[in-house]
Amino acid sequence: MNKIFLVIKREYLSRVRKKSFIIMTIAAPLLISAFYGIIIYFAINRDIGESEKRIYVADQSGAYTAKLNSKETIKFIYGDVTDEKNIKTFLEEGNYYALLTLHDSALHKIDLVAVDQPSLTTVSYIETQLADVLKKRKLEHIGVTASQIEEVNNVHIRINTAKATETGAKSSSAAASSAIGFAAALLIYMFIFLYGVQVMRGVIEEKTNRIVEVIISSLKPFELMMGKIIGIALVGLTQFIIWMGLIALLGGGTSGMMASQMTVSPEAQGALAQSGNDMSESGSFITALLSFNYTYLASVFLFYFITGYLFYGALFAAIGSAVDNETDTQQFMLPVTMPLVLAIVLAQSAVISNPNGVMAFWLSIIPFTSPVVMMVRMPFGVPNWELFLSMGCMIAGFIFTVWLAGRIYRIGILMYGKKPSYKEIGKWLFAKG
C-alpha cells in the first residue's frame, strides 16, 4: 500500500508542477467566462454596431401602408411602385437597404430585393410584421375589434409545478431540473474522457520509453496501475475544484458587467412591459433552482464523479498497456467509449423527457452509463433504493474493471512490437503468474 502512495505522489506532483497545468488551470475559467460573457452580451445587444436598414415598401394594394412597425435597425419607408428594371440604381440613389414589393392584400406574392443578400433576422422580422398585420385584417373582417384582438393576444397560461413531499408541496421546475442534471452529467462525461485519456497516454509513454521495466522491478504492475489512476484522479479533482471556484467568481463579475452594460431598445421595453407572465416564469425557474438540496446533490455527484472516473480510468489504463503507440488504441477505444457517448446522447433526449421511465432506470443502474444518467435523474427525484442499487452496481463494476485491467496490465505492460487482438487479450485474463 505504501508503494501505491508513492506512485500517487509521483503522478500528482509531476503533473501539478507543470507550467501547462498551472496555465490551463488559470486560463480555462477565464476563457470559459469570457466566451459565455461575449455570447450573452451579443445575445442581449444583438443589434449593436448594426446600421439602420431603410426598406422601401411598394404596397400595390395599400392595405399595409404605414402599418409595419419600424425599429432601431429597420425603418420602413412607403412609396409608389418603382421601375423594376432599375432597382439597383433606385436603391443606391435612395440609400435603401432593400425594396419590399407587396403585390396583393392577401400576400400571395411578396418580393424582397436587396443590394446584398438580406440577413435571416431581417427577413424574419419583415415576415412577422406582415403576418401580424394580415392576421389583424382578417380578424377585423369577420367583426373582431382591435381591443378584442389585443385581449386575445395577451392570453398567457402558466402552470406552477410542485412535487408532493411529506411536508407538503415543494416548488419544482422541469427546466431547472433538466439544466442542473444535464450540467452535472456533462461535467462527469468531460472529466472521464479528459483524464481517462491522460491515464492511457501516461501508460503508453512509460511503456514506450521502457521506464516501466525499471519501475516494476520494485513494485507490482497492479500497484503501478492503481497509483497512476488515483494520482491522475487527484490531479483532476484539484483542477476541477479550482475551476469551479474561479468560474463562480468570474461568473458573478460577468453577470454584474452584463447588467451594467445592458441596453434595451424601446421595442424590447414595450415587450417587457407586456410580459409580466414571462418574468413570473423566470422567477419560478430561479425559485426552483434555489429549492434544490445542493449538499445532497453534490455528495451524489462526487460519488459518481470519482467512481465513474475510476471505472473508466482502469479500462483506459488497460488499453494503454496493450498497445505500443496511441494510433493502435482506436480498435480498443470504441467499445469502451461507446456506452459513455450513448449515455450523454440519451441523457439529453429520452432520459430528460422521461426521467422515471424504464430506459432511464436501467441506464442509471448499468455501471457503463450510470455516472451520466443518474446525475440527470437526480434533480427530478430518485427513490433511495434505486440510488443505493445504482451505487452498489457502480462499486461492483469498478472492482470488476480494476481486476480486468490489472490482468491485462500485468502482461501488456511488458509486451512490445506486437499489436494484440481481442482473442489474445482474452488469454491474458486467465494467464497464471
Foldseek 3Di string as FASTA:
>chain_A
DVLLVVLLVCLQVVPCPDPVLVCCLVVVLVVVLVVVLVVVLCVLVVCPPAAAAEEEEAEPAPLCPPQFDAFRRYHYHYDHDDDPVCQVVVCVVVVHQWYWYQPDLLSPDIDIGGPDDDDPVVVVSVVVRSVVSSVVVVCVVVPQDPVNVVVVVLDDDDDFDFDQDPVGTHTADLVLLQVQLLVLLVVLLVLLVVLLLVLLVVLLVCLLVVVVVVVCVVPALLSNLSSNLVSSLVSSVVSVVSSVVSNVVSNVVSVVVSVVPRDDTPVRVVVVVSPPVVVVVVVSSVSNNVRDPVVVLVVLSVLLSVLLNLLSSLQSNLLSLQDNDDVLSVVVVCVLCVLSVVLSVCLNPVCSVPVPDPVLLVLLQALSRNSNSVSSSVSVPDDPVSSVNSSVSSVVSSVVSSLLSSLSNNPSSNDPDDRDDPVVSVVSSPDDD
